[in-house]
Every structure is written in structure tokens, then in C-alpha cells.
Amino acid sequence: MAAVAGAERFPRALSPLVINNVRLGNRVFFAPMGIDLADHDGSFSQELSDFYSGIAAGGCGFLILSNATVSRDSILSPRGLRLYEAGHAEALKPFLGTCRDRGIVVGVQLQHYGGQAITTFVRGKPLLTPSAVASNGYRKRDPKYRVREMTIEDIDLVKDQFVRAARLSIDCGAQLIQLQASNGYLLSSFLSPNTNRRVDGYGGSKENRGRFLCEIVRDIRKEIGQEAILSVRLGVDDCIGAGGTVVTDFDTVVPLLEDAGVDLLEVSICTAETFKKLTDGEAGMEAHLHECVRQIKEYARVPVGFAGFVDSLQKAERLIEDGTADLVGMARAIFADNDLVNKTLDGREAQINKCLWDGRCFKDKANPRYSRVYCCVNPKYKRPE
């Protein structure tokens, strides 16, 4: 009865969606959120399995595992997820197999941190960037921080690393692959004129700045065929004002990504330097995010989703109904209560642990007191005070 009532209350949010032969049970997803509970070699751990199992049972249409780095030379956290060796894929395979047997679609987000990594964790090697533009925030965090401009050989190597990680993702059972091309990490730093000042074929025009990402998409699609949904989390506004990426830069880049093989876009905004605007709920940011999503939808033929400031099925339903997005993600809200969707469908909304939107979970990642990300309201991982 709950499923029937839910379908009546939330006909758009709960409608299934088939993309590239993969059926998503509904249009609400758990968006990528760095948890950093992998084993110390970067393998998928029992702690991660327990965490994501709780998410998977909560009623979302699909979930995406975040920040699986594609390179041993790109590490942000010693317990961040990694996916560049066969052993990493083998550790992930049982969880993905269990979810697939239960009809739960799980995606893997592939990441290269670029200049937003920690040099200490990569044996002091300089971090790869488009144009050796440092991240001020990470330079303050890392006493050994160094960056260098990528050569063409570096670009080719990183493309190969993404393709290998995508192959490993498919081999261990992922039904969705997402490229992290937002928030100032390597792929999005190529998209931004603030961090990409190259004068070769990978810099200059917005199309050239998008070339690296498009080539990775094309190479992955060639490698995996139609075996999975290929998604991009696309950073469309650095939120730094003049000199940064703005959403209108993507009027030609989005069609190029689609031609290369993208099936799904997730819109994101901000970088490490400006992310506080989102986590602290700066006035106007939610409306700006929605406007960016609507703009990308105008450029796109593929489904477009986003995550940010959504804490209920009611809100997700409105955003799909009014045409803002085709899919709606939640990260902090479902972190606060893994069962948000099911509780809503069961008429138990009064029992939902509501996110406080104070951003403390994100700040835990840089807090030396904590070894993981905690929550203010979820008793499963309540922050020690």
C-alpha cells in the first residue's frame, strides 16, 4: 500500500527511468559524498559496505560511491577509496554483486584530485594541474604542497588511468560510472579559465578547455561499450566571479560531451575556495544552483540531475514537476537519515532525522580531531562532542 500511495503523492520523483538499458527504480539518488572509510590501501572496506548498505536499503533509485581515485599519485585522504588496481576492484565486487542481485543500481564516481590533493600522501611528488595554478586552501593544509603543469604525456597517462578505472568498475559490477568533473578537481580545473591558462589544444576556447574531458568520455565509451550508464558530474560555475567558469560556457561543451558518449549529467557548482557558500547556505545560492541546472537542461538532450539543499521527496517532486531537473540527488539529507525515502513512503515523516544544514560533516574531513565524517543527528554515526 505504501508504494501505491507513494506513487500517487510523488508520481514524478518515483517514476522509473531507463538510461542505456539500465533501469533506475526512481529519480531520487544518493549523491556522491566523501566518507573516507576505505582500508588503508584504498580498498572498499567493511565499514564502507555497512554504510552504503544502509543507503541502498533506504529507497533511493540509485546511489553513487564517491571519489574513487584513478591514480596512486592523486590522494586526498589516506582512507579515500581507490580504483586503479585489480585488488581494489575485487574488494568492491561482493558489495556491487549483492546490490545488483537486489535490483539496486550502484555507480562509482571516478576521481583525479589534481591540485586539490595532498602532496604528503603521494611521496612529495608535485600534483598535476592544467597550468600549475595552486589551490590556496590546499597549500595552507599541506606543508609540502607543490603543483606542476601537465605535459601532453601526462594528459595521455591520465586518460589511460580513467579508462582503466572504468574497466575495473565494469568488471566488478558497477552499472553506472560517473566522472568527477566539478568542484575544482582535475577535470573541472581544465574547464575553468581560472585554472586552465594553457595555449595548446587543451586551453583557450571553451571547446578546447572541454577537450580533455570529452576525450576521456570518448575513450571510456569505446572501452566499455553500452555496458553501463556513463555520467559526468559537471562543475558549471566556480562562483568566483570574473575569470572563472560560468554556466554559459557549456552551451557548446554539453553537446560535445553527448556526442562523445555521455548518458547523464549531474550539475554542480563551486570549488574548494568557494564551497563554503554552499555548505553554509549563503543567501541566493540555492536559487543560483537551480538556475544553473535549468540552463544546462536547455543545452542537453540527455537527462540532467543535481544535488543540493534538497531534504524531502516533496521538494524533489516539485523540482522535477517544474522542469528544473530530471533527477534529484540528496547527500547530506540522506546522510542524516538513510531511510528518508522509505520513512516518507510509510507515512513516518515525523520520525525523519532532519539535516541541520550546518556543513559540519564536510568540515570533519579537514578536522585533525576526527578520523571520519560524522553527523549531528544520525545516531548511526553521531559526532563525538
Protein backbone atom coordinates (compact mmCIF):
# COMPACT_ATOMS: atom_id res chain seq x y z
CA MET A 1 0.00 0.00 0.00
CA ALA A 2 2.86 2.39 0.77
CA ALA A 3 4.25 2.02 -2.76
CA VAL A 4 0.82 2.78 -4.27
CA ALA A 5 0.28 5.78 -2.01
CA GLY A 6 3.79 7.00 -2.74
CA ALA A 7 3.26 6.76 -6.49
CA GLU A 8 0.16 8.90 -6.09
CA ARG A 9 1.88 11.50 -3.92
CA PHE A 10 5.17 11.63 -5.84
CA PRO A 11 4.39 10.45 -9.39
CA ARG A 12 7.42 12.15 -10.94
CA ALA A 13 10.04 11.54 -8.27
CA LEU A 14 9.08 7.88 -8.02
CA SER A 15 8.75 7.19 -11.74
CA PRO A 16 11.41 4.83 -13.11
CA LEU A 17 13.88 5.91 -15.75
CA VAL A 18 15.73 3.70 -18.22
CA ILE A 19 19.10 5.01 -19.42
CA ASN A 20 21.27 2.96 -21.74
CA ASN A 21 19.41 -0.26 -20.81
CA VAL A 22 19.86 0.34 -17.06
CA ARG A 23 16.60 0.75 -15.15
CA LEU A 24 16.65 3.26 -12.31
CA GLY A 25 13.84 2.48 -9.87
CA ASN A 26 13.06 6.15 -9.26
CA ARG A 27 14.54 9.60 -9.82
CA VAL A 28 15.92 10.28 -6.35
CA PHE A 29 19.55 9.32 -5.83
CA PHE A 30 22.18 9.38 -3.12
CA ALA A 31 24.69 11.85 -4.48
CA PRO A 32 28.45 11.31 -4.14
CA MET A 33 29.70 12.29 -0.69
CA GLY A 34 33.22 11.67 0.51
CA ILE A 35 33.15 9.34 3.50
CA ASP A 36 36.81 8.19 3.61
CA LEU A 37 36.31 4.84 5.32
CA ALA A 38 38.26 2.66 2.90
CA ASP A 39 41.00 0.33 4.08
CA HIS A 40 44.43 1.91 4.27
CA ASP A 41 45.34 0.56 0.82
CA GLY A 42 42.25 2.28 -0.60
CA SER A 43 40.20 -0.90 -0.95
CA PHE A 44 36.46 -0.97 -0.29
CA SER A 45 36.15 -1.85 3.39
CA GLN A 46 33.59 -3.48 5.66
CA GLU A 47 32.91 -0.02 7.10
CA LEU A 48 32.06 1.31 3.64
CA SER A 49 29.96 -1.77 2.91
CA ASP A 50 27.98 -1.25 6.10
CA PHE A 51 27.49 2.43 5.37
CA TYR A 52 26.41 2.05 1.75
CA SER A 53 24.23 -0.97 2.56
CA GLY A 54 22.20 1.32 4.81
CA ILE A 55 21.87 3.81 1.98
CA ALA A 56 20.95 1.11 -0.53
CA ALA A 57 18.13 -0.15 1.65
CA GLY A 58 16.68 3.33 2.11
CA GLY A 59 14.61 3.61 -1.06
CA CYS A 60 16.68 5.73 -3.48
CA GLY A 61 16.57 4.90 -7.17
CA PHE A 62 20.35 4.57 -7.23
CA LEU A 63 23.46 5.58 -5.32
CA ILE A 64 26.94 6.68 -6.33
CA LEU A 65 30.11 5.74 -4.44
CA SER A 66 32.27 8.84 -4.30
CA ASN A 67 35.81 9.80 -5.13
CA ALA A 68 37.44 6.56 -6.24
CA THR A 69 40.82 7.92 -7.27
CA VAL A 70 42.22 6.60 -10.55
CA SER A 71 45.87 7.22 -9.67
CA ARG A 72 48.29 6.44 -6.85
CA ASP A 73 49.66 9.95 -7.46
CA SER A 74 46.34 11.59 -6.56
CA ILE A 75 45.36 11.06 -2.93
CA LEU A 76 43.40 13.41 -0.68
CA SER A 77 42.80 11.13 2.30
CA PRO A 78 44.75 8.03 3.35
CA ARG A 79 41.41 6.23 3.70
CA GLY A 80 39.89 7.52 0.48
CA LEU A 81 38.52 4.96 -1.99
CA ARG A 82 40.88 3.89 -4.80
CA LEU A 83 40.27 2.07 -8.06
CA TYR A 84 43.43 1.60 -10.08
CA GLU A 85 44.47 -1.96 -9.19
CA ALA A 86 42.73 -5.29 -9.69
CA GLY A 87 42.70 -5.78 -5.92
CA HIS A 88 40.63 -2.63 -5.47
CA ALA A 89 38.02 -3.99 -7.87
CA GLU A 90 37.98 -7.40 -6.20
CA ALA A 91 37.28 -5.79 -2.82
CA LEU A 92 34.35 -3.86 -4.29
CA LYS A 93 32.86 -6.74 -6.26
CA PRO A 94 30.88 -8.51 -3.46
CA PHE A 95 29.01 -5.35 -2.47
CA LEU A 96 28.14 -4.45 -6.05
CA GLY A 97 27.04 -8.03 -6.74
CA THR A 98 24.73 -8.08 -3.73
CA CYS A 99 23.16 -4.77 -4.73
CA ARG A 100 22.70 -5.88 -8.33
CA ASP A 101 21.02 -9.12 -7.19
CA ARG A 102 18.58 -6.97 -5.20
CA GLY A 103 17.86 -4.68 -8.15
CA ILE A 104 19.73 -1.73 -6.66
CA VAL A 105 21.78 0.30 -9.15
CA VAL A 106 25.16 1.42 -7.81
CA GLY A 107 27.52 3.76 -9.58
CA VAL A 108 31.19 4.54 -8.99
CA GLN A 109 32.49 8.08 -9.21
CA LEU A 110 35.98 8.20 -10.71
CA GLN A 111 38.19 10.97 -9.41
CA HIS A 112 41.52 12.64 -10.02
CA TYR A 113 42.07 15.32 -7.40
CA GLY A 114 44.54 17.37 -9.43
CA GLY A 115 45.76 20.36 -7.42
CA GLN A 116 43.26 19.63 -4.65
CA ALA A 117 45.13 16.58 -3.34
CA ILE A 118 47.69 16.30 -0.53
CA THR A 119 51.32 16.10 -1.63
CA THR A 120 52.28 14.33 1.60
CA PHE A 121 50.24 11.28 0.58
CA VAL A 122 51.95 10.92 -2.83
CA ARG A 123 55.53 10.79 -1.59
CA GLY A 124 56.07 14.52 -2.09
CA LYS A 125 55.54 14.42 -5.86
CA PRO A 126 54.11 17.62 -7.35
CA LEU A 127 50.40 17.48 -8.13
CA LEU A 128 49.19 17.53 -11.72
CA THR A 129 47.29 20.63 -12.88
CA PRO A 130 46.47 22.19 -16.25
CA SER A 131 48.67 25.26 -15.71
CA ALA A 132 50.42 24.97 -12.33
CA VAL A 133 47.85 27.24 -10.64
CA ALA A 134 47.89 26.40 -6.94
CA SER A 135 44.87 25.94 -4.71
CA ASN A 136 45.32 28.40 -1.85
CA GLY A 137 43.20 26.31 0.50
CA TYR A 138 45.19 23.13 -0.07
CA ARG A 139 48.51 24.96 0.05
CA LYS A 140 47.62 26.02 3.60
CA ARG A 141 46.74 22.43 4.56
CA ASP A 142 49.83 20.76 3.10
CA PRO A 143 53.35 21.91 4.07
CA LYS A 144 54.82 20.04 1.09
CA TYR A 145 52.28 21.34 -1.41
CA ARG A 146 53.62 21.60 -4.97
CA VAL A 147 51.95 21.64 -8.38
CA ARG A 148 53.16 21.43 -11.94
CA GLU A 149 51.69 21.92 -15.39
CA MET A 150 50.76 18.72 -17.18
CA THR A 151 52.62 17.73 -20.32
CA ILE A 152 50.87 16.03 -23.22
CA GLU A 153 52.38 12.77 -21.93
CA ASP A 154 50.73 13.44 -18.55
CA ILE A 155 47.40 14.09 -20.25
CA ASP A 156 47.63 10.82 -22.16
CA LEU A 157 48.58 8.95 -18.97
CA VAL A 158 45.63 10.33 -17.00
CA LYS A 159 43.25 9.48 -19.84
CA ASP A 160 44.53 5.91 -19.71
CA GLN A 161 44.09 5.87 -15.93
CA PHE A 162 40.45 6.89 -16.21
CA VAL A 163 39.83 4.24 -18.87
CA ARG A 164 41.46 1.53 -16.74
CA ALA A 165 39.41 2.56 -13.70
CA ALA A 166 36.24 2.48 -15.80
CA ARG A 167 37.09 -1.02 -17.00
CA LEU A 168 37.70 -2.14 -13.42
CA SER A 169 34.36 -0.60 -12.41
CA ILE A 170 32.51 -2.59 -15.04
CA ASP A 171 34.37 -5.79 -14.25
CA CYS A 172 33.38 -5.60 -10.59
CA GLY A 173 29.72 -4.95 -11.38
CA ALA A 174 29.08 -1.20 -11.48
CA GLN A 175 26.07 -0.20 -13.58
CA LEU A 176 26.94 3.49 -13.65
CA ILE A 177 30.24 5.31 -13.99
CA GLN A 178 30.48 8.97 -13.11
CA LEU A 179 33.44 11.20 -13.93
CA GLN A 180 34.08 13.83 -11.27
CA ALA A 181 34.44 17.00 -13.35
CA SER A 182 33.36 19.54 -10.75
CA ASN A 183 34.41 21.38 -7.58
CA GLY A 184 37.90 22.32 -8.74
CA TYR A 185 39.34 18.82 -9.11
CA LEU A 186 41.48 17.94 -12.12
CA LEU A 187 38.85 17.51 -14.84
CA SER A 188 36.95 20.63 -13.83
CA SER A 189 40.16 22.61 -13.48
CA PHE A 190 40.66 22.05 -17.20
CA LEU A 191 37.19 23.52 -17.83
CA SER A 192 37.89 26.75 -15.93
CA PRO A 193 39.82 29.69 -17.40
CA ASN A 194 40.89 30.49 -13.84
CA THR A 195 42.99 27.33 -13.59
CA ASN A 196 43.48 26.46 -17.27
CA ARG A 197 45.77 29.02 -18.91
CA ARG A 198 47.23 26.67 -21.49
CA VAL A 199 47.99 27.88 -25.01
CA ASP A 200 47.87 24.46 -26.70
CA GLY A 201 44.85 22.45 -27.88
CA TYR A 202 43.69 21.89 -24.31
CA GLY A 203 43.33 25.57 -23.41
CA GLY A 204 41.99 28.86 -24.65
CA SER A 205 38.47 28.48 -26.04
CA LYS A 206 35.72 26.81 -24.01
CA GLU A 207 35.72 23.95 -26.51
CA ASN A 208 39.46 23.44 -26.06
CA ARG A 209 39.10 23.55 -22.28
CA GLY A 210 36.48 20.81 -22.59
CA ARG A 211 38.61 18.68 -24.89
CA PHE A 212 40.36 16.67 -22.14
CA LEU A 213 37.05 15.64 -20.56
CA CYS A 214 35.46 14.84 -23.93
CA GLU A 215 38.41 12.65 -24.90
CA ILE A 216 38.16 10.72 -21.63
CA VAL A 217 34.42 10.21 -22.17
CA ARG A 218 35.01 9.00 -25.74
CA ASP A 219 37.81 6.64 -24.69
CA ILE A 220 35.74 5.16 -21.85
CA ARG A 221 32.72 4.68 -24.09
CA LYS A 222 34.92 2.88 -26.60
CA GLU A 223 36.30 0.66 -23.82
CA ILE A 224 33.03 -0.28 -22.11
CA GLY A 225 30.56 -0.07 -24.98
CA GLN A 226 26.99 0.13 -23.74
CA GLU A 227 27.61 -1.86 -20.55
CA ALA A 228 26.73 0.95 -18.16
CA ILE A 229 25.41 4.48 -17.78
CA LEU A 230 28.23 6.98 -18.35
CA SER A 231 27.67 10.12 -16.31
CA VAL A 232 29.58 13.33 -15.67
CA ARG A 233 29.33 15.46 -12.56
CA LEU A 234 29.85 18.78 -14.29
CA GLY A 235 31.05 21.90 -12.48
CA VAL A 236 29.37 24.75 -14.35
CA ASP A 237 30.19 27.75 -12.14
CA ASP A 238 33.29 28.31 -9.98
CA CYS A 239 31.38 31.04 -8.12
CA ILE A 240 34.46 33.26 -8.09
CA GLY A 241 33.09 35.91 -10.43
CA ALA A 242 35.07 37.22 -13.39
CA GLY A 243 37.73 34.86 -14.69
CA GLY A 244 36.10 31.62 -13.61
CA THR A 245 33.79 29.10 -15.21
CA VAL A 246 30.21 30.27 -15.79
CA VAL A 247 27.24 28.23 -16.93
CA THR A 248 27.05 29.82 -20.39
CA ASP A 249 30.48 28.32 -21.15
CA PHE A 250 28.71 24.98 -21.61
CA ASP A 251 26.38 25.80 -24.49
CA THR A 252 28.77 24.04 -26.88
CA VAL A 253 30.58 21.78 -24.40
CA VAL A 254 27.45 19.86 -23.33
CA PRO A 255 26.63 18.78 -26.92
CA LEU A 256 30.26 17.76 -27.38
CA LEU A 257 30.07 15.60 -24.25
CA GLU A 258 26.89 13.99 -25.52
CA ASP A 259 28.48 13.29 -28.89
CA ALA A 260 31.40 11.68 -27.03
CA GLY A 261 29.05 9.29 -25.22
CA VAL A 262 27.66 10.87 -22.03
CA ASP A 263 24.27 9.44 -20.93
CA LEU A 264 23.58 11.56 -17.84
CA LEU A 265 24.73 14.87 -16.36
CA GLU A 266 24.80 15.91 -12.71
CA VAL A 267 25.22 19.67 -12.34
CA SER A 268 27.40 21.07 -9.58
CA ILE A 269 28.86 24.47 -8.66
CA CYS A 270 31.74 25.90 -6.55
CA THR A 271 35.34 24.85 -5.94
CA ALA A 272 37.35 24.31 -2.77
CA GLU A 273 37.79 28.07 -2.44
CA THR A 274 34.06 28.81 -2.74
CA PHE A 275 32.40 25.63 -1.41
CA LYS A 276 31.71 27.36 1.91
CA LYS A 277 28.99 29.31 0.10
CA LEU A 278 27.11 26.04 -0.32
CA THR A 279 27.85 24.33 2.98
CA ASP A 280 26.96 27.46 4.96
CA GLY A 281 23.83 28.12 2.88
CA GLU A 282 24.80 31.60 1.67
CA ALA A 283 21.75 33.60 0.59
CA GLY A 284 20.86 33.13 -3.07
CA MET A 285 22.99 30.04 -3.63
CA GLU A 286 20.08 27.62 -3.85
CA ALA A 287 18.28 29.76 -6.44
CA HIS A 288 21.53 30.16 -8.37
CA LEU A 289 22.11 26.41 -8.40
CA HIS A 290 18.59 25.82 -9.72
CA GLU A 291 19.12 28.38 -12.45
CA CYS A 292 22.35 26.68 -13.50
CA VAL A 293 20.58 23.32 -13.72
CA ARG A 294 17.79 24.80 -15.84
CA GLN A 295 20.37 26.37 -18.14
CA ILE A 296 22.22 23.08 -18.64
CA LYS A 297 18.89 21.37 -19.37
CA GLU A 298 18.40 23.82 -22.22
CA TYR A 299 21.73 22.73 -23.71
CA ALA A 300 21.26 18.98 -23.12
CA ARG A 301 19.44 16.11 -24.75
CA VAL A 302 20.36 13.61 -22.02
CA PRO A 303 18.74 13.61 -18.54
CA VAL A 304 20.07 16.24 -16.14
CA GLY A 305 20.17 15.96 -12.35
CA PHE A 306 21.72 17.77 -9.42
CA ALA A 307 22.09 17.63 -5.65
CA GLY A 308 21.99 20.44 -3.13
CA PHE A 309 19.61 21.82 -0.50
CA VAL A 310 17.03 19.06 -1.08
CA ASP A 311 15.76 17.35 2.07
CA SER A 312 12.44 15.76 1.16
CA LEU A 313 10.55 13.85 -1.50
CA GLN A 314 8.12 16.75 -1.63
CA LYS A 315 10.88 19.10 -2.73
CA ALA A 316 12.29 16.58 -5.19
CA GLU A 317 8.81 16.18 -6.70
CA ARG A 318 8.41 19.95 -7.16
CA LEU A 319 11.81 20.31 -8.81
CA ILE A 320 11.04 17.60 -11.33
CA GLU A 321 7.49 18.82 -11.88
CA ASP A 322 8.56 22.41 -12.61
CA GLY A 323 11.20 21.23 -15.07
CA THR A 324 14.26 22.23 -13.06
CA ALA A 325 15.73 18.72 -13.27
CA ASP A 326 15.02 15.19 -14.46
CA LEU A 327 16.58 13.60 -11.36
CA VAL A 328 17.25 14.95 -7.88
CA GLY A 329 20.05 13.88 -5.58
CA MET A 330 20.40 14.15 -1.84
CA ALA A 331 23.65 13.75 0.08
CA ARG A 332 23.51 15.47 3.47
CA ALA A 333 19.78 14.81 3.94
CA ILE A 334 20.17 11.06 3.38
CA PHE A 335 23.40 11.04 5.38
CA ALA A 336 21.29 12.44 8.23
CA ASP A 337 18.69 9.70 7.71
CA ASN A 338 19.45 6.79 5.38
CA ASP A 339 15.74 5.84 5.45
CA LEU A 340 14.37 9.25 4.44
CA VAL A 341 12.65 7.92 1.33
CA ASN A 342 11.15 4.83 2.93
CA LYS A 343 10.01 6.72 6.02
CA THR A 344 8.25 9.22 3.77
CA LEU A 345 6.50 6.47 1.81
CA ASP A 346 5.47 4.75 5.03
CA GLY A 347 3.93 7.93 6.43
CA ARG A 348 6.64 8.24 9.09
CA GLU A 349 7.92 11.67 8.10
CA ALA A 350 7.80 12.85 11.72
CA GLN A 351 10.49 10.26 12.50
CA ILE A 352 12.98 11.53 9.91
CA ASN A 353 16.26 12.85 11.32
CA LYS A 354 16.44 16.23 9.59
CA CYS A 355 19.76 17.59 8.39
CA LEU A 356 20.74 20.81 10.19
CA TRP A 357 22.50 22.14 7.06
CA ASP A 358 25.37 23.47 9.15
CA GLY A 359 28.05 21.88 6.96
CA ARG A 360 29.90 20.29 9.88
CA CYS A 361 30.03 16.91 8.09
CA PHE A 362 32.06 18.47 5.29
CA LYS A 363 34.34 20.23 7.77
CA ASP A 364 35.09 16.91 9.52
CA LYS A 365 37.26 15.94 6.55
CA ALA A 366 39.78 18.65 7.39
CA ASN A 367 39.48 18.36 11.16
CA PRO A 368 42.53 16.57 12.65
CA ARG A 369 40.39 15.52 15.65
CA TYR A 370 38.31 13.17 13.52
CA SER A 371 39.20 10.08 11.51
CA ARG A 372 35.91 10.04 9.57
CA VAL A 373 32.88 12.12 8.63
CA TYR A 374 30.21 12.34 11.32
CA CYS A 375 26.65 13.62 11.54
CA CYS A 376 24.90 15.88 14.05
CA VAL A 377 21.61 13.96 14.04
CA ASN A 378 22.07 10.41 12.75
CA PRO A 379 22.64 8.07 15.74
CA LYS A 380 24.45 5.57 13.48
CA TYR A 381 27.43 7.94 13.20
CA LYS A 382 26.80 10.73 15.65
CA ARG A 383 29.68 13.15 16.05
CA PRO A 384 31.55 12.79 19.35
CA GLU A 385 31.47 16.05 21.23
